[in-house]
C-alpha atoms as a PDB file:
ATOM      1  CA  MET A   1     -29.372  32.042 -91.145  1.00  0.00           C
ATOM      2  CA  THR A   2     -31.631  30.804 -94.384  1.00  0.00           C
ATOM      3  CA  ASP A   3     -29.274  28.229 -94.800  1.00  0.00           C
ATOM      4  CA  ILE A   4     -29.457  27.136 -90.926  1.00  0.00           C
ATOM      5  CA  LEU A   5     -33.288  27.253 -91.155  1.00  0.00           C
ATOM      6  CA  LYS A   6     -32.938  24.795 -93.953  1.00  0.00           C
ATOM      7  CA  ASP A   7     -30.914  22.463 -92.229  1.00  0.00           C
ATOM      8  CA  ILE A   8     -33.372  22.621 -88.864  1.00  0.00           C
ATOM      9  CA  ILE A   9     -36.096  22.148 -90.502  1.00  0.00           C
ATOM     10  CA  ALA A  10     -34.880  19.360 -92.826  1.00  0.00           C
ATOM     11  CA  GLU A  11     -33.256  17.715 -89.880  1.00  0.00           C
ATOM     12  CA  GLN A  12     -36.670  17.771 -88.060  1.00  0.00           C
ATOM     13  CA  GLY A  13     -38.724  16.273 -90.721  1.00  0.00           C
ATOM     14  CA  LEU A  14     -40.635  19.173 -90.923  1.00  0.00           C
ATOM     15  CA  THR A  15     -42.287  21.107 -94.101  1.00  0.00           C
ATOM     16  CA  TRP A  16     -41.605  24.546 -94.700  1.00  0.00           C
ATOM     17  CA  GLU A  17     -45.571  24.804 -93.801  1.00  0.00           C
ATOM     18  CA  ALA A  18     -45.174  22.851 -90.835  1.00  0.00           C
ATOM     19  CA  ALA A  19     -42.230  24.188 -89.387  1.00  0.00           C
ATOM     20  CA  ALA A  20     -44.575  27.701 -90.007  1.00  0.00           C
ATOM     21  CA  LEU A  21     -47.419  26.742 -87.905  1.00  0.00           C
ATOM     22  CA  LYS A  22     -45.057  25.341 -84.959  1.00  0.00           C
ATOM     23  CA  SER A  23     -43.534  28.677 -84.248  1.00  0.00           C
ATOM     24  CA  GLY A  24     -46.947  30.205 -84.478  1.00  0.00           C
ATOM     25  CA  LEU A  25     -46.165  31.935 -87.666  1.00  0.00           C
ATOM     26  CA  GLU A  26     -48.546  32.288 -91.068  1.00  0.00           C
ATOM     27  CA  ARG A  27     -47.870  28.617 -93.163  1.00  0.00           C
ATOM     28  CA  SER A  28     -46.365  30.506 -96.220  1.00  0.00           C
ATOM     29  CA  TYR A  29     -43.993  32.296 -94.056  1.00  0.00           C
ATOM     30  CA  PHE A  30     -40.428  30.554 -94.643  1.00  0.00           C
ATOM     31  CA  ARG A  31     -41.408  29.635 -98.593  1.00  0.00           C
ATOM     32  CA  LYS A  32     -41.821  33.363 -98.854  1.00  0.00           C
ATOM     33  CA  LEU A  33     -38.519  34.018 -96.784  1.00  0.00           C
ATOM     34  CA  PHE A  34     -36.772  31.053 -98.477  1.00  0.00           C
ATOM     35  CA  GLU A  35     -38.117  32.654-101.912  1.00  0.00           C
ATOM     36  CA  ARG A  36     -36.416  36.445-101.293  1.00  0.00           C
ATOM     37  CA  GLY A  37     -33.056  35.381-100.592  1.00  0.00           C
ATOM     38  CA  GLY A  38     -30.602  37.077 -97.744  1.00  0.00           C
ATOM     39  CA  ALA A  39     -33.573  38.474 -95.609  1.00  0.00           C
ATOM     40  CA  SER A  40     -33.762  37.250 -92.058  1.00  0.00           C
ATOM     41  CA  PRO A  41     -36.022  36.932 -89.144  1.00  0.00           C
ATOM     42  CA  ARG A  42     -35.922  39.774 -86.366  1.00  0.00           C
ATOM     43  CA  GLY A  43     -36.748  40.711 -82.880  1.00  0.00           C
ATOM     44  CA  GLN A  44     -39.971  38.344 -82.254  1.00  0.00           C
ATOM     45  CA  THR A  45     -40.627  36.803 -85.181  1.00  0.00           C
ATOM     46  CA  LEU A  46     -37.085  35.125 -83.820  1.00  0.00           C
ATOM     47  CA  LYS A  47     -38.226  34.669 -81.344  1.00  0.00           C
ATOM     48  CA  LYS A  48     -41.118  32.579 -82.246  1.00  0.00           C
ATOM     49  CA  ILE A  49     -38.850  30.525 -84.515  1.00  0.00           C
ATOM     50  CA  ALA A  50     -36.658  29.835 -82.094  1.00  0.00           C
ATOM     51  CA  ASP A  51     -38.956  28.637 -79.275  1.00  0.00           C
ATOM     52  CA  GLY A  52     -41.140  26.454 -81.930  1.00  0.00           C
ATOM     53  CA  LEU A  53     -38.194  24.887 -83.135  1.00  0.00           C
ATOM     54  CA  GLY A  54     -37.006  24.005 -79.914  1.00  0.00           C
ATOM     55  CA  VAL A  55     -33.459  25.934 -80.277  1.00  0.00           C
ATOM     56  CA  PRO A  56     -31.724  28.427 -78.993  1.00  0.00           C
ATOM     57  CA  MET A  57     -31.072  32.231 -80.752  1.00  0.00           C
ATOM     58  CA  THR A  58     -27.746  31.930 -80.948  1.00  0.00           C
ATOM     59  CA  VAL A  59     -27.828  28.847 -83.399  1.00  0.00           C
ATOM     60  CA  LEU A  60     -30.231  30.151 -85.878  1.00  0.00           C
ATOM     61  CA  LEU A  61     -27.960  33.778 -85.617  1.00  0.00           C
ATOM     62  CA  GLY A  62     -24.579  30.909 -85.931  1.00  0.00           C
ATOM     63  CA  GLU A  63     -22.752  32.169 -83.091  1.00  0.00           C
ATOM     64  CA  SER A  64     -23.569  28.273 -82.098  1.00  0.00           C
ATOM     65  CA  SER A  65     -23.216  24.977 -83.865  1.00  0.00           C
ATOM     66  CA  ASP A  66     -25.438  22.670 -81.058  1.00  0.00           C
ATOM     67  CA  ALA A  67     -27.735  22.931 -78.123  1.00  0.00           C
ATOM     68  CA  GLY A  68     -24.521  23.328 -75.653  1.00  0.00           C
ATOM     69  CA  ALA A  69     -25.310  27.128 -76.415  1.00  0.00           C
ATOM     70  CA  ILE A  70     -28.227  26.956 -73.675  1.00  0.00           C
ATOM     71  CA  ASN A  71     -27.459  28.263 -70.267  1.00  0.00           C
ATOM     72  CA  MET A  72     -27.157  25.643 -67.879  1.00  0.00           C
ATOM     73  CA  THR A  73     -29.165  26.398 -64.632  1.00  0.00           C
ATOM     74  CA  PRO A  74     -28.222  25.055 -61.175  1.00  0.00           C
ATOM     75  CA  SER A  75     -28.511  21.724 -60.531  1.00  0.00           C
ATOM     76  CA  VAL A  76     -31.638  20.938 -58.169  1.00  0.00           C
ATOM     77  CA  LYS A  77     -33.192  17.440 -56.610  1.00  0.00           C
ATOM     78  CA  THR A  78     -35.719  16.348 -59.107  1.00  0.00           C
ATOM     79  CA  ASP A  79     -38.351  13.213 -59.727  1.00  0.00           C
ATOM     80  CA  VAL A  80     -37.224  13.174 -63.302  1.00  0.00           C
ATOM     81  CA  ARG A  81     -34.153  11.292 -64.954  1.00  0.00           C
ATOM     82  CA  PRO A  82     -32.917  10.404 -68.453  1.00  0.00           C
ATOM     83  CA  ALA A  83     -34.678   7.997 -70.640  1.00  0.00           C
ATOM     84  CA  SER A  84     -32.711   4.936 -70.860  1.00  0.00           C
ATOM     85  CA  ALA A  85     -33.389   4.748 -74.519  1.00  0.00           C
ATOM     86  CA  HIS A  86     -30.844   6.200 -77.226  1.00  0.00           C
ATOM     87  CA  LEU A  87     -32.923   8.345 -79.481  1.00  0.00           C
ATOM     88  CA  PRO A  88     -31.308   8.001 -82.885  1.00  0.00           C
ATOM     89  CA  LEU A  89     -30.210  11.316 -85.029  1.00  0.00           C
ATOM     90  CA  PRO A  90     -32.063  12.989 -87.585  1.00  0.00           C
ATOM     91  CA  MET A  91     -29.468  11.387 -90.046  1.00  0.00           C
ATOM     92  CA  GLU A  92     -29.447   8.131 -88.826  1.00  0.00           C
ATOM     93  CA  MET A  93     -33.233   7.666 -89.671  1.00  0.00           C
ATOM     94  CA  ALA A  94     -34.443   6.876 -93.468  1.00  0.00           C
ATOM     95  CA  LYS A  95     -36.910   9.528 -95.217  1.00  0.00           C
ATOM     96  CA  ASP A  96     -39.475   7.404 -96.422  1.00  0.00           C
ATOM     97  CA  VAL A  97     -42.918   7.710 -94.566  1.00  0.00           C
ATOM     98  CA  PRO A  98     -44.982   8.872 -96.750  1.00  0.00           C
ATOM     99  CA  VAL A  99     -46.986  11.681 -95.859  1.00  0.00           C
ATOM    100  CA  MET A 100     -50.702  10.960 -96.952  1.00  0.00           C
ATOM    101  CA  GLY A 101     -52.756  14.341 -96.298  1.00  0.00           C
ATOM    102  CA  THR A 102     -53.313  17.848 -95.410  1.00  0.00           C
ATOM    103  CA  ALA A 103     -55.493  19.186 -92.959  1.00  0.00           C
ATOM    104  CA  ALA A 104     -58.978  20.091 -94.559  1.00  0.00           C
ATOM    105  CA  GLY A 105     -61.980  21.384 -92.581  1.00  0.00           C
ATOM    106  CA  SER A 106     -65.420  19.404 -92.332  1.00  0.00           C
ATOM    107  CA  HIS A 107     -68.363  18.809 -90.305  1.00  0.00           C
ATOM    108  CA  LEU A 108     -65.971  15.930 -88.442  1.00  0.00           C
ATOM    109  CA  ARG A 109     -63.930  19.311 -86.974  1.00  0.00           C
ATOM    110  CA  GLY A 110     -60.602  18.755 -87.697  1.00  0.00           C
ATOM    111  CA  ALA A 111     -60.492  16.575 -90.573  1.00  0.00           C
ATOM    112  CA  PHE A 112     -57.370  15.238 -93.034  1.00  0.00           C
ATOM    113  CA  GLN A 113     -58.098  15.385 -96.969  1.00  0.00           C
ATOM    114  CA  LEU A 114     -56.596  11.821 -97.694  1.00  0.00           C
ATOM    115  CA  SER A 115     -54.456  11.821-100.747  1.00  0.00           C
ATOM    116  CA  SER A 116     -53.883   8.626-102.814  1.00  0.00           C
ATOM    117  CA  GLU A 117     -50.329   9.583-103.541  1.00  0.00           C
ATOM    118  CA  PRO A 118     -47.996  10.766-101.103  1.00  0.00           C
ATOM    119  CA  VAL A 119     -47.511  14.575-100.393  1.00  0.00           C
ATOM    120  CA  ASP A 120     -44.099  14.201 -98.487  1.00  0.00           C
ATOM    121  CA  TYR A 121     -41.551  11.888 -96.887  1.00  0.00           C
ATOM    122  CA  VAL A 122     -40.331  11.977 -93.706  1.00  0.00           C
ATOM    123  CA  ARG A 123     -37.987  10.525 -90.868  1.00  0.00           C
ATOM    124  CA  ARG A 124     -38.768   6.730 -89.987  1.00  0.00           C
ATOM    125  CA  PRO A 125     -37.858   6.024 -86.314  1.00  0.00           C
ATOM    126  CA  HIS A 126     -35.684   2.839 -85.707  1.00  0.00           C
ATOM    127  CA  THR A 127     -38.846   1.350 -83.849  1.00  0.00           C
ATOM    128  CA  LEU A 128     -40.895   0.947 -87.314  1.00  0.00           C
ATOM    129  CA  MET A 129     -38.339  -0.439 -89.421  1.00  0.00           C
ATOM    130  CA  ASN A 130     -40.347  -3.103 -90.193  1.00  0.00           C
ATOM    131  CA  ALA A 131     -43.804  -1.423 -90.342  1.00  0.00           C
ATOM    132  CA  ARG A 132     -44.673  -1.686 -93.944  1.00  0.00           C
ATOM    133  CA  ASN A 133     -47.622   0.597 -93.726  1.00  0.00           C
ATOM    134  CA  VAL A 134     -47.022   2.887 -91.199  1.00  0.00           C
ATOM    135  CA  TYR A 135     -48.010   6.502 -92.667  1.00  0.00           C
ATOM    136  CA  SER A 136     -47.996  10.232 -91.514  1.00  0.00           C
ATOM    137  CA  LEU A 137     -50.046  13.146 -91.369  1.00  0.00           C
ATOM    138  CA  TYR A 138     -50.089  16.797 -90.347  1.00  0.00           C
ATOM    139  CA  VAL A 139     -52.403  17.903 -87.666  1.00  0.00           C
ATOM    140  CA  GLU A 140     -53.939  21.488 -88.128  1.00  0.00           C
ATOM    141  CA  GLY A 141     -56.162  23.226 -86.418  1.00  0.00           C
ATOM    142  CA  THR A 142     -57.164  23.103 -82.417  1.00  0.00           C
ATOM    143  CA  SER A 143     -59.499  20.244 -81.714  1.00  0.00           C
ATOM    144  CA  MET A 144     -57.108  18.207 -80.078  1.00  0.00           C
ATOM    145  CA  GLU A 145     -54.811  20.762 -78.299  1.00  0.00           C
ATOM    146  CA  PRO A 146     -53.132  20.685 -76.090  1.00  0.00           C
ATOM    147  CA  GLN A 147     -52.193  16.900 -76.921  1.00  0.00           C
ATOM    148  CA  PHE A 148     -51.632  17.385 -80.444  1.00  0.00           C
ATOM    149  CA  GLN A 149     -50.701  21.211 -81.798  1.00  0.00           C
ATOM    150  CA  PRO A 150     -51.502  22.644 -85.611  1.00  0.00           C
ATOM    151  CA  GLY A 151     -48.344  21.241 -87.443  1.00  0.00           C
ATOM    152  CA  ASP A 152     -47.765  18.235 -85.247  1.00  0.00           C
ATOM    153  CA  LEU A 153     -45.998  15.609 -87.536  1.00  0.00           C
ATOM    154  CA  ILE A 154     -48.511  12.113 -86.335  1.00  0.00           C
ATOM    155  CA  TYR A 155     -47.296   8.328 -87.171  1.00  0.00           C
ATOM    156  CA  VAL A 156     -50.306   6.111 -87.655  1.00  0.00           C
ATOM    157  CA  HIS A 157     -49.290   2.719 -87.437  1.00  0.00           C
ATOM    158  CA  PRO A 158     -52.472   0.357 -89.144  1.00  0.00           C
ATOM    159  CA  ASP A 159     -51.309  -2.670 -88.294  1.00  0.00           C
ATOM    160  CA  LYS A 160     -51.201  -1.888 -84.295  1.00  0.00           C
ATOM    161  CA  PRO A 161     -54.905  -2.764 -82.803  1.00  0.00           C
ATOM    162  CA  PRO A 162     -55.996   0.689 -80.955  1.00  0.00           C
ATOM    163  CA  ARG A 163     -57.383   0.634 -77.064  1.00  0.00           C
ATOM    164  CA  PHE A 164     -60.183   2.815 -75.583  1.00  0.00           C
ATOM    165  CA  GLY A 165     -58.495   6.059 -74.448  1.00  0.00           C
ATOM    166  CA  ASP A 166     -55.944   5.703 -77.698  1.00  0.00           C
ATOM    167  CA  ALA A 167     -55.540   8.673 -79.975  1.00  0.00           C
ATOM    168  CA  VAL A 168     -57.221   7.451 -82.972  1.00  0.00           C
ATOM    169  CA  VAL A 169     -57.315   8.439 -86.789  1.00  0.00           C
ATOM    170  CA  ILE A 170     -61.103   7.209 -88.694  1.00  0.00           C
ATOM    171  CA  GLN A 171     -60.803   7.047 -92.174  1.00  0.00           C
ATOM    172  CA  VAL A 172     -64.124   7.822 -93.404  1.00  0.00           C
ATOM    173  CA  GLN A 173     -66.374   8.339 -96.929  1.00  0.00           C
ATOM    174  CA  LEU A 174     -69.924  10.181 -96.716  1.00  0.00           C
ATOM    175  CA  GLY A 175     -70.603   8.746 -99.898  1.00  0.00           C
ATOM    176  CA  ASP A 176     -69.829   6.630-103.411  1.00  0.00           C
ATOM    177  CA  SER A 177     -68.543  10.092-105.170  1.00  0.00           C
ATOM    178  CA  GLU A 178     -67.067  11.991-101.730  1.00  0.00           C
ATOM    179  CA  ALA A 179     -63.593  12.062-101.220  1.00  0.00           C
ATOM    180  CA  MET A 180     -61.964   9.997 -98.477  1.00  0.00           C
ATOM    181  CA  GLU A 181     -61.248  11.904 -94.995  1.00  0.00           C
ATOM    182  CA  ALA A 182     -59.883  11.333 -91.940  1.00  0.00           C
ATOM    183  CA  THR A 183     -60.319  12.822 -88.433  1.00  0.00           C
ATOM    184  CA  ILE A 184     -58.236  12.562 -84.981  1.00  0.00           C
ATOM    185  CA  GLY A 185     -59.712  12.024 -81.834  1.00  0.00           C
ATOM    186  CA  ILE A 186     -59.627  10.143 -78.901  1.00  0.00           C
ATOM    187  CA  LEU A 187     -61.223   6.376 -79.079  1.00  0.00           C
ATOM    188  CA  SER A 188     -63.896   6.434 -76.802  1.00  0.00           C
ATOM    189  CA  LYS A 189     -66.662   3.670 -77.130  1.00  0.00           C
ATOM    190  CA  ARG A 190     -68.068   1.490 -80.153  1.00  0.00           C
ATOM    191  CA  ALA A 191     -71.311   0.376 -80.557  1.00  0.00           C
ATOM    192  CA  THR A 192     -73.225  -1.736 -83.227  1.00  0.00           C
ATOM    193  CA  GLU A 193     -73.861   1.299 -85.428  1.00  0.00           C
ATOM    194  CA  ILE A 194     -71.589   4.157 -84.354  1.00  0.00           C
ATOM    195  CA  VAL A 195     -67.897   4.795 -82.871  1.00  0.00           C
ATOM    196  CA  THR A 196     -67.371   7.407 -80.979  1.00  0.00           C
ATOM    197  CA  ILE A 197     -64.183   9.424 -80.281  1.00  0.00           C
ATOM    198  CA  ARG A 198     -63.418  12.615 -78.232  1.00  0.00           C
ATOM    199  CA  LYS A 199     -62.004  15.860 -79.128  1.00  0.00           C
ATOM    200  CA  HIS A 200     -60.102  18.163 -76.158  1.00  0.00           C
ATOM    201  CA  ASN A 201     -60.919  21.498 -77.709  1.00  0.00           C
ATOM    202  CA  PRO A 202     -63.825  22.005 -76.659  1.00  0.00           C
ATOM    203  CA  ASN A 203     -64.274  18.874 -74.871  1.00  0.00           C
ATOM    204  CA  ALA A 204     -66.627  16.969 -77.060  1.00  0.00           C
ATOM    205  CA  GLU A 205     -67.855  13.513 -78.110  1.00  0.00           C
ATOM    206  CA  ILE A 206     -68.510  13.035 -81.702  1.00  0.00           C
ATOM    207  CA  ASP A 207     -70.571   9.756 -83.024  1.00  0.00           C
ATOM    208  CA  ILE A 208     -69.614   8.577 -86.504  1.00  0.00           C
ATOM    209  CA  PRO A 209     -71.751   5.867 -88.162  1.00  0.00           C
ATOM    210  CA  ARG A 210     -70.132   2.761 -88.462  1.00  0.00           C
ATOM    211  CA  SER A 211     -71.576   2.805 -92.308  1.00  0.00           C
ATOM    212  CA  THR A 212     -69.244   5.670 -93.281  1.00  0.00           C
ATOM    213  CA  ILE A 213     -66.097   4.151 -91.368  1.00  0.00           C
ATOM    214  CA  VAL A 214     -63.474   2.295 -93.759  1.00  0.00           C
ATOM    215  CA  ALA A 215     -60.451   2.107 -91.138  1.00  0.00           C
ATOM    216  CA  ILE A 216     -59.888   2.792 -87.747  1.00  0.00           C
ATOM    217  CA  HIS A 217     -55.962   3.520 -87.093  1.00  0.00           C
ATOM    218  CA  LYS A 218     -54.077   3.809 -83.730  1.00  0.00           C
ATOM    219  CA  VAL A 219     -51.729   7.102 -83.707  1.00  0.00           C
ATOM    220  CA  LEU A 220     -48.455   5.983 -81.989  1.00  0.00           C
ATOM    221  CA  SER A 221     -47.182   7.597 -78.917  1.00  0.00           C
ATOM    222  CA  VAL A 222     -43.460   9.173 -78.197  1.00  0.00           C
ATOM    223  CA  ASN A 223     -43.091   6.366 -76.660  1.00  0.00           C
ATOM    224  CA  GLU A 224     -44.423   3.945 -78.435  1.00  0.00           C
ATOM    225  CA  LEU A 225     -42.284   5.396 -81.570  1.00  0.00           C
ATOM    226  CA  TYR A 226     -39.138   5.849 -79.677  1.00  0.00           C
ATOM    227  CA  GLY A 227     -38.904   2.656 -77.753  1.00  0.00           C
ATOM    228  CA  VAL A 228     -39.062   4.907 -74.191  1.00  0.00           C
END
């Protein structure tokens, strides 16, 4: 089962830590599991992994190799229709988008500690083939739930101007000797001396002094990522 888990996590462009967070487990769960070798998750842990990674338990158990193992439900009338866009398979996407930060707590609540070098690389959607400066971050913390969950991967486009209501990453440096940080939120207001973003959980507005802001970058939506 461990080999199956490794393949699924890799195909989803996740790190072991991010996959554990998406499954509601301790961040070191998969690292410890894979290092032990031979051990397999059971019971509620197995269910958490299946739900978190969005795959049937039969796939994890090696009883099926694809999502066709999901039980079919009776046909019902619905207003939902399949999207016309083709979503590429993970192996069709180059794994060259840098992950430029790991989450760190700060007074901005849900801030990221930015790194000068990539800490990982993830898959590049086809719509970003010519986006030279795009980068990604993993979300940690609950300040942006339910829009962004802990462990979610976000793609950030420095060259796409954000609009009010867009999710943005604001890069901040509080002093010359301080490390660069960034925080995610919904762009709410822009004034002469401050930029205001909104957090979801709890619902609150945070004013960030312009004097500390290095850059404001747009977070791409799923529709923008896949051209839906």
